[in-house]
Amino acid sequence: MSTRALVVFVDGETEIAVAYQHGDGYPSWLGVKLCEYLKGKDIVNGISSPRDAGSPFNGINDLAIRTLYALKAGHSGPDMPGGLYLYPPRTRDMDEEFVYYVSERDGKPYVKVFDGAKNPLFEGSAAQVLRRCKRETAAALLTLRKGSVTK
């Protein structure tokens, strides 16, 4: 069964886009991919030349489109169907097990992670959430090794 997730991009108090990830939505995959892409990048208002792959995001709208492209390219390839889908703001009830909110705080990407029941799991800078998502991976592997898998 697929682990569905939503990635919600927020500008201030306004949702600007929702992406639906059909599978691999758990923090140890989607959370890691999302935060690896966002960590260390700045969000600015206006950019100057030259631009390269390490350029800052020119606002939250630029962050959203570039992040979606990176997630799509990293999952099934940018020209492959399926996997990641774009939906209008405020889309919910897609049987999501996780919801990732991406916004700006102090000129940097800020990520909040909730479970499908809207319970907050963790939040922080992309680097902070990345560390937590990787710890979740390690904890899950340890649980599997002990043979005490819980649902």
N, C-alpha and C. Protein backbone atom coordinates (compact mmCIF):
# COMPACT_ATOMS: atom_id res chain seq x y z
N MET A 1 0.84 -1.18 0.00
CA MET A 1 0.00 0.00 0.00
C MET A 1 0.88 1.24 0.00
N SER A 2 0.47 2.24 -0.70
CA SER A 2 1.23 3.49 -0.82
C SER A 2 1.09 4.34 0.43
N THR A 3 2.16 5.05 0.78
CA THR A 3 2.13 6.02 1.86
C THR A 3 1.95 7.39 1.23
N ARG A 4 0.74 7.89 1.27
CA ARG A 4 0.40 9.15 0.62
C ARG A 4 0.75 10.34 1.50
N ALA A 5 1.10 11.45 0.85
CA ALA A 5 1.45 12.66 1.59
C ALA A 5 1.09 13.89 0.76
N LEU A 6 0.95 15.00 1.46
CA LEU A 6 0.76 16.30 0.82
C LEU A 6 1.93 17.19 1.20
N VAL A 7 2.37 18.00 0.23
CA VAL A 7 3.33 19.06 0.49
C VAL A 7 2.60 20.36 0.20
N VAL A 8 2.45 21.18 1.24
CA VAL A 8 1.67 22.41 1.15
C VAL A 8 2.64 23.59 1.22
N PHE A 9 2.59 24.45 0.21
CA PHE A 9 3.44 25.64 0.17
C PHE A 9 2.62 26.84 0.64
N VAL A 10 3.18 27.59 1.60
CA VAL A 10 2.44 28.66 2.26
C VAL A 10 3.24 29.96 2.17
N ASP A 11 2.55 31.02 1.73
CA ASP A 11 3.13 32.36 1.68
C ASP A 11 2.42 33.20 2.73
N GLY A 12 3.07 33.43 3.87
CA GLY A 12 2.42 34.13 4.98
C GLY A 12 1.35 33.23 5.55
N GLU A 13 0.09 33.64 5.39
CA GLU A 13 -1.05 32.84 5.85
C GLU A 13 -1.79 32.19 4.68
N THR A 14 -1.28 32.37 3.46
CA THR A 14 -1.99 31.93 2.26
C THR A 14 -1.33 30.71 1.63
N GLU A 15 -2.10 29.65 1.46
CA GLU A 15 -1.60 28.50 0.71
C GLU A 15 -1.53 28.86 -0.75
N ILE A 16 -0.40 28.52 -1.40
CA ILE A 16 -0.27 28.83 -2.82
C ILE A 16 -0.32 27.58 -3.69
N ALA A 17 -0.01 26.42 -3.13
CA ALA A 17 -0.05 25.18 -3.91
C ALA A 17 -0.02 23.99 -2.97
N VAL A 18 -0.58 22.88 -3.45
CA VAL A 18 -0.53 21.61 -2.73
C VAL A 18 -0.07 20.55 -3.72
N ALA A 19 0.93 19.79 -3.31
CA ALA A 19 1.39 18.66 -4.12
C ALA A 19 1.01 17.37 -3.42
N TYR A 20 0.49 16.42 -4.18
CA TYR A 20 0.09 15.11 -3.66
C TYR A 20 1.14 14.10 -4.08
N GLN A 21 1.78 13.46 -3.11
CA GLN A 21 2.77 12.41 -3.36
C GLN A 21 2.05 11.08 -3.13
N HIS A 22 1.92 10.27 -4.18
CA HIS A 22 1.13 9.05 -4.09
C HIS A 22 1.81 7.96 -3.26
N GLY A 23 3.10 7.90 -3.27
CA GLY A 23 3.82 6.87 -2.50
C GLY A 23 5.08 7.43 -1.90
N ASP A 24 5.66 6.69 -0.96
CA ASP A 24 6.91 7.10 -0.30
C ASP A 24 6.77 8.44 0.41
N GLY A 25 5.61 8.68 1.01
CA GLY A 25 5.36 9.96 1.66
C GLY A 25 5.84 10.07 3.09
N TYR A 26 6.37 8.99 3.63
CA TYR A 26 6.82 9.01 5.02
C TYR A 26 8.05 9.89 5.18
N PRO A 27 8.29 10.38 6.41
CA PRO A 27 9.42 11.30 6.62
C PRO A 27 10.77 10.74 6.20
N SER A 28 10.97 9.45 6.35
CA SER A 28 12.28 8.89 6.01
C SER A 28 12.55 8.85 4.51
N TRP A 29 11.56 9.13 3.67
CA TRP A 29 11.82 9.27 2.23
C TRP A 29 11.47 10.68 1.77
N LEU A 30 10.18 11.01 1.75
CA LEU A 30 9.79 12.34 1.24
C LEU A 30 10.34 13.45 2.13
N GLY A 31 10.27 13.28 3.43
CA GLY A 31 10.82 14.30 4.34
C GLY A 31 12.29 14.54 4.09
N VAL A 32 13.04 13.45 3.90
CA VAL A 32 14.47 13.56 3.62
C VAL A 32 14.71 14.25 2.29
N LYS A 33 14.02 13.81 1.24
CA LYS A 33 14.22 14.41 -0.09
C LYS A 33 13.86 15.90 -0.09
N LEU A 34 12.74 16.23 0.53
CA LEU A 34 12.29 17.62 0.59
C LEU A 34 13.32 18.49 1.32
N CYS A 35 13.74 18.05 2.49
CA CYS A 35 14.64 18.88 3.29
C CYS A 35 16.06 18.89 2.77
N GLU A 36 16.50 17.81 2.13
CA GLU A 36 17.83 17.84 1.50
C GLU A 36 17.88 18.90 0.42
N TYR A 37 16.78 19.04 -0.33
CA TYR A 37 16.74 20.05 -1.38
C TYR A 37 16.69 21.47 -0.80
N LEU A 38 15.94 21.67 0.27
CA LEU A 38 15.72 23.01 0.83
C LEU A 38 16.84 23.51 1.74
N LYS A 39 17.55 22.61 2.39
CA LYS A 39 18.51 23.03 3.42
C LYS A 39 19.62 23.90 2.84
N GLY A 40 19.99 24.89 3.62
CA GLY A 40 21.09 25.77 3.25
C GLY A 40 20.76 26.83 2.22
N LYS A 41 19.52 26.83 1.71
CA LYS A 41 19.15 27.82 0.71
C LYS A 41 18.45 29.01 1.38
N ASP A 42 18.62 30.17 0.78
CA ASP A 42 17.97 31.39 1.25
C ASP A 42 16.75 31.69 0.39
N ILE A 43 15.84 32.47 0.95
CA ILE A 43 14.69 32.99 0.21
C ILE A 43 14.86 34.51 0.19
N VAL A 44 14.93 35.07 -1.02
CA VAL A 44 15.16 36.50 -1.17
C VAL A 44 14.03 37.13 -1.99
N ASN A 45 14.03 38.44 -2.05
CA ASN A 45 13.07 39.17 -2.86
C ASN A 45 13.86 39.88 -3.96
N GLY A 46 14.00 39.21 -5.10
CA GLY A 46 14.78 39.74 -6.21
C GLY A 46 16.17 39.14 -6.21
N ILE A 47 16.62 38.73 -7.38
CA ILE A 47 17.95 38.14 -7.51
C ILE A 47 18.70 38.83 -8.64
N SER A 48 20.00 38.78 -8.55
CA SER A 48 20.82 39.38 -9.61
C SER A 48 21.61 38.29 -10.30
N SER A 49 22.16 38.59 -11.42
CA SER A 49 22.97 37.62 -12.18
C SER A 49 24.36 37.55 -11.58
N PRO A 50 25.11 36.54 -11.76
CA PRO A 50 24.72 35.31 -12.46
C PRO A 50 23.95 34.37 -11.54
N ARG A 51 23.16 33.50 -12.16
CA ARG A 51 22.39 32.51 -11.42
C ARG A 51 22.95 31.13 -11.72
N ASP A 52 22.91 30.27 -10.71
CA ASP A 52 23.33 28.89 -10.90
C ASP A 52 22.45 28.00 -10.04
N ALA A 53 22.75 26.72 -10.03
CA ALA A 53 21.92 25.76 -9.29
C ALA A 53 21.89 26.06 -7.80
N GLY A 54 22.88 26.76 -7.28
CA GLY A 54 22.90 27.09 -5.87
C GLY A 54 22.26 28.42 -5.54
N SER A 55 21.64 29.06 -6.51
CA SER A 55 21.04 30.38 -6.31
C SER A 55 19.94 30.33 -5.27
N PRO A 56 19.72 31.43 -4.56
CA PRO A 56 18.63 31.46 -3.59
C PRO A 56 17.28 31.41 -4.30
N PHE A 57 16.25 31.11 -3.54
CA PHE A 57 14.89 31.15 -4.08
C PHE A 57 14.44 32.60 -4.15
N ASN A 58 13.84 32.98 -5.26
CA ASN A 58 13.31 34.33 -5.43
C ASN A 58 11.86 34.34 -4.96
N GLY A 59 11.67 34.26 -3.64
CA GLY A 59 10.35 34.22 -3.05
C GLY A 59 9.82 32.81 -2.92
N ILE A 60 8.69 32.69 -2.23
CA ILE A 60 8.10 31.38 -1.95
C ILE A 60 7.54 30.72 -3.21
N ASN A 61 7.09 31.51 -4.19
CA ASN A 61 6.58 30.93 -5.43
C ASN A 61 7.69 30.24 -6.21
N ASP A 62 8.87 30.86 -6.24
CA ASP A 62 10.02 30.24 -6.89
C ASP A 62 10.44 28.99 -6.13
N LEU A 63 10.43 29.06 -4.80
CA LEU A 63 10.74 27.89 -3.98
C LEU A 63 9.79 26.74 -4.31
N ALA A 64 8.50 27.03 -4.42
CA ALA A 64 7.51 25.99 -4.68
C ALA A 64 7.77 25.30 -6.03
N ILE A 65 7.93 26.05 -7.09
CA ILE A 65 8.08 25.42 -8.41
C ILE A 65 9.40 24.67 -8.52
N ARG A 66 10.46 25.24 -7.99
CA ARG A 66 11.76 24.55 -8.06
C ARG A 66 11.77 23.29 -7.18
N THR A 67 11.11 23.36 -6.04
CA THR A 67 11.04 22.19 -5.16
C THR A 67 10.21 21.08 -5.80
N LEU A 68 9.09 21.43 -6.39
CA LEU A 68 8.27 20.42 -7.06
C LEU A 68 9.02 19.76 -8.19
N TYR A 69 9.75 20.55 -8.97
CA TYR A 69 10.54 19.98 -10.05
C TYR A 69 11.60 19.02 -9.50
N ALA A 70 12.27 19.43 -8.43
CA ALA A 70 13.31 18.57 -7.83
C ALA A 70 12.70 17.28 -7.30
N LEU A 71 11.54 17.36 -6.64
CA LEU A 71 10.90 16.15 -6.13
C LEU A 71 10.45 15.24 -7.26
N LYS A 72 9.88 15.81 -8.29
CA LYS A 72 9.42 15.01 -9.44
C LYS A 72 10.59 14.35 -10.14
N ALA A 73 11.65 15.10 -10.37
CA ALA A 73 12.83 14.56 -11.04
C ALA A 73 13.48 13.47 -10.20
N GLY A 74 13.46 13.63 -8.88
CA GLY A 74 14.12 12.66 -8.01
C GLY A 74 13.31 11.41 -7.74
N HIS A 75 12.01 11.44 -8.03
CA HIS A 75 11.17 10.28 -7.74
C HIS A 75 10.99 9.40 -8.96
N SER A 76 10.36 9.94 -9.99
CA SER A 76 10.08 9.12 -11.17
C SER A 76 10.68 9.72 -12.44
N GLY A 77 11.35 10.84 -12.31
CA GLY A 77 11.90 11.52 -13.48
C GLY A 77 10.92 12.57 -13.94
N PRO A 78 11.43 13.71 -14.43
CA PRO A 78 10.55 14.82 -14.78
C PRO A 78 9.59 14.51 -15.93
N ASP A 79 9.93 13.55 -16.78
CA ASP A 79 9.07 13.24 -17.91
C ASP A 79 8.27 11.95 -17.72
N MET A 80 8.34 11.36 -16.52
CA MET A 80 7.61 10.13 -16.25
C MET A 80 6.26 10.45 -15.60
N PRO A 81 5.21 9.74 -16.00
CA PRO A 81 3.91 9.99 -15.39
C PRO A 81 3.84 9.45 -13.97
N GLY A 82 2.95 10.04 -13.18
CA GLY A 82 2.65 9.52 -11.85
C GLY A 82 3.58 9.99 -10.76
N GLY A 83 3.26 9.57 -9.55
CA GLY A 83 4.09 9.85 -8.40
C GLY A 83 3.75 11.13 -7.69
N LEU A 84 3.87 12.26 -8.36
CA LEU A 84 3.66 13.57 -7.75
C LEU A 84 2.69 14.37 -8.60
N TYR A 85 1.69 14.94 -7.94
CA TYR A 85 0.62 15.64 -8.65
C TYR A 85 0.38 17.00 -8.01
N LEU A 86 0.05 18.00 -8.81
CA LEU A 86 -0.23 19.35 -8.33
C LEU A 86 -1.74 19.54 -8.16
N TYR A 87 -2.14 20.08 -7.00
CA TYR A 87 -3.53 20.34 -6.69
C TYR A 87 -3.69 21.78 -6.24
N PRO A 88 -4.93 22.29 -6.24
CA PRO A 88 -5.16 23.67 -5.79
C PRO A 88 -4.91 23.82 -4.29
N PRO A 89 -4.67 25.06 -3.86
CA PRO A 89 -4.54 25.32 -2.43
C PRO A 89 -5.74 24.77 -1.66
N ARG A 90 -5.50 24.39 -0.42
CA ARG A 90 -6.50 23.87 0.52
C ARG A 90 -7.00 22.48 0.18
N THR A 91 -6.38 21.80 -0.78
CA THR A 91 -6.75 20.41 -1.06
C THR A 91 -6.36 19.54 0.12
N ARG A 92 -7.29 18.72 0.59
CA ARG A 92 -7.04 17.78 1.68
C ARG A 92 -7.88 16.53 1.43
N ASP A 93 -7.82 15.62 2.38
CA ASP A 93 -8.60 14.39 2.34
C ASP A 93 -8.27 13.54 1.12
N MET A 94 -6.97 13.37 0.91
CA MET A 94 -6.48 12.51 -0.17
C MET A 94 -5.94 11.19 0.42
N ASP A 95 -6.46 10.82 1.57
CA ASP A 95 -5.96 9.65 2.31
C ASP A 95 -4.49 9.82 2.68
N GLU A 96 -4.08 11.07 2.92
CA GLU A 96 -2.69 11.35 3.25
C GLU A 96 -2.36 10.86 4.66
N GLU A 97 -1.17 10.32 4.79
CA GLU A 97 -0.67 9.89 6.10
C GLU A 97 0.27 10.92 6.71
N PHE A 98 0.79 11.82 5.86
CA PHE A 98 1.66 12.89 6.33
C PHE A 98 1.37 14.16 5.54
N VAL A 99 1.53 15.31 6.19
CA VAL A 99 1.40 16.61 5.53
C VAL A 99 2.63 17.43 5.90
N TYR A 100 3.31 17.94 4.87
CA TYR A 100 4.49 18.79 5.04
C TYR A 100 4.12 20.21 4.64
N TYR A 101 4.28 21.15 5.54
CA TYR A 101 4.02 22.56 5.24
C TYR A 101 5.38 23.25 5.04
N VAL A 102 5.53 23.93 3.91
CA VAL A 102 6.77 24.64 3.62
C VAL A 102 6.46 26.13 3.52
N SER A 103 7.16 26.91 4.32
CA SER A 103 6.97 28.36 4.33
C SER A 103 8.34 29.02 4.49
N GLU A 104 8.32 30.32 4.75
CA GLU A 104 9.56 31.09 4.93
C GLU A 104 9.60 31.64 6.35
N ARG A 105 10.75 31.53 6.96
CA ARG A 105 10.97 32.15 8.28
C ARG A 105 12.38 32.70 8.31
N ASP A 106 12.51 33.99 8.54
CA ASP A 106 13.82 34.65 8.62
C ASP A 106 14.67 34.41 7.37
N GLY A 107 14.02 34.44 6.19
CA GLY A 107 14.75 34.31 4.93
C GLY A 107 15.21 32.91 4.60
N LYS A 108 14.66 31.90 5.27
CA LYS A 108 15.04 30.50 5.04
C LYS A 108 13.77 29.64 4.93
N PRO A 109 13.86 28.50 4.23
CA PRO A 109 12.72 27.58 4.23
C PRO A 109 12.46 27.03 5.64
N TYR A 110 11.19 26.91 5.99
CA TYR A 110 10.77 26.40 7.29
C TYR A 110 9.76 25.28 7.02
N VAL A 111 9.92 24.15 7.69
CA VAL A 111 9.11 22.96 7.40
C VAL A 111 8.40 22.50 8.67
N LYS A 112 7.10 22.21 8.54
CA LYS A 112 6.31 21.60 9.61
C LYS A 112 5.78 20.27 9.09
N VAL A 113 5.85 19.24 9.93
CA VAL A 113 5.38 17.91 9.53
C VAL A 113 4.26 17.48 10.47
N PHE A 114 3.15 17.07 9.88
CA PHE A 114 1.99 16.58 10.63
C PHE A 114 1.65 15.17 10.15
N ASP A 115 1.02 14.39 11.02
CA ASP A 115 0.51 13.11 10.56
C ASP A 115 -0.84 13.34 9.89
N GLY A 116 -1.42 12.30 9.33
CA GLY A 116 -2.68 12.43 8.61
C GLY A 116 -3.86 12.85 9.47
N ALA A 117 -3.72 12.68 10.79
CA ALA A 117 -4.78 13.09 11.72
C ALA A 117 -4.58 14.53 12.19
N LYS A 118 -3.68 15.24 11.56
CA LYS A 118 -3.38 16.65 11.84
C LYS A 118 -2.65 16.88 13.15
N ASN A 119 -1.99 15.84 13.65
CA ASN A 119 -1.18 15.98 14.85
C ASN A 119 0.22 16.44 14.46
N PRO A 120 0.75 17.49 15.09
CA PRO A 120 2.11 17.93 14.74
C PRO A 120 3.14 16.89 15.17
N LEU A 121 4.07 16.62 14.28
CA LEU A 121 5.15 15.67 14.58
C LEU A 121 6.44 16.41 14.91
N PHE A 122 6.87 17.31 14.00
CA PHE A 122 8.05 18.12 14.25
C PHE A 122 8.09 19.26 13.26
N GLU A 123 8.90 20.29 13.59
CA GLU A 123 9.04 21.45 12.73
C GLU A 123 10.39 22.10 12.97
N GLY A 124 10.81 22.92 12.00
CA GLY A 124 12.05 23.66 12.15
C GLY A 124 12.61 24.03 10.79
N SER A 125 13.86 24.44 10.81
CA SER A 125 14.54 24.72 9.54
C SER A 125 14.64 23.42 8.75
N ALA A 126 14.94 23.52 7.48
CA ALA A 126 15.08 22.31 6.66
C ALA A 126 16.15 21.40 7.23
N ALA A 127 17.26 21.96 7.72
CA ALA A 127 18.33 21.14 8.28
C ALA A 127 17.87 20.44 9.56
N GLN A 128 17.11 21.13 10.41
CA GLN A 128 16.62 20.53 11.65
C GLN A 128 15.64 19.39 11.35
N VAL A 129 14.71 19.62 10.44
CA VAL A 129 13.73 18.59 10.09
C VAL A 129 14.42 17.44 9.37
N LEU A 130 15.42 17.72 8.56
CA LEU A 130 16.17 16.65 7.89
C LEU A 130 16.79 15.71 8.92
N ARG A 131 17.42 16.28 9.95
CA ARG A 131 18.02 15.43 10.99
C ARG A 131 16.96 14.56 11.65
N ARG A 132 15.80 15.13 11.92
CA ARG A 132 14.73 14.37 12.56
C ARG A 132 14.20 13.27 11.63
N CYS A 133 14.04 13.59 10.36
CA CYS A 133 13.57 12.58 9.39
C CYS A 133 14.56 11.44 9.28
N LYS A 134 15.84 11.73 9.29
CA LYS A 134 16.85 10.67 9.22
C LYS A 134 16.84 9.84 10.50
N ARG A 135 16.59 10.45 11.65
CA ARG A 135 16.48 9.70 12.90
C ARG A 135 15.29 8.76 12.85
N GLU A 136 14.20 9.22 12.23
CA GLU A 136 13.02 8.36 12.09
C GLU A 136 13.37 7.13 11.27
N THR A 137 14.20 7.30 10.24
CA THR A 137 14.64 6.18 9.42
C THR A 137 15.42 5.19 10.28
N ALA A 138 16.36 5.71 11.06
CA ALA A 138 17.19 4.84 11.90
C ALA A 138 16.32 4.12 12.93
N ALA A 139 15.37 4.81 13.53
CA ALA A 139 14.49 4.20 14.53
C ALA A 139 13.65 3.09 13.91
N ALA A 140 13.14 3.33 12.69
CA ALA A 140 12.34 2.32 12.01
C ALA A 140 13.18 1.09 11.70
N LEU A 141 14.41 1.28 11.26
CA LEU A 141 15.28 0.15 10.97
C LEU A 141 15.59 -0.66 12.22
N LEU A 142 15.83 0.03 13.33
CA LEU A 142 16.10 -0.68 14.59
C LEU A 142 14.89 -1.48 15.02
N THR A 143 13.69 -0.92 14.85
CA THR A 143 12.47 -1.64 15.22
C THR A 143 12.32 -2.89 14.36
N LEU A 144 12.59 -2.77 13.07
CA LEU A 144 12.49 -3.93 12.17
C LEU A 144 13.49 -5.01 12.56
N ARG A 145 14.71 -4.63 12.90
CA ARG A 145 15.74 -5.58 13.28
C ARG A 145 15.37 -6.35 14.54
N LYS A 146 14.67 -5.69 15.46
CA LYS A 146 14.26 -6.33 16.71
C LYS A 146 13.04 -7.24 16.48
N GLY A 147 12.40 -7.11 15.33
CA GLY A 147 11.25 -7.95 15.03
C GLY A 147 9.98 -7.51 15.73
N SER A 148 9.94 -6.29 16.20
CA SER A 148 8.75 -5.80 16.91
C SER A 148 8.08 -4.69 16.10
N VAL A 149 7.65 -5.05 14.93
CA VAL A 149 6.99 -4.07 14.06
C VAL A 149 5.60 -3.79 14.59
N THR A 150 5.28 -2.50 14.72
CA THR A 150 3.94 -2.11 15.16
C THR A 150 3.25 -1.38 14.03
N LYS A 151 1.93 -1.45 14.02
CA LYS A 151 1.15 -0.77 12.98
C LYS A 151 0.51 0.46 13.53
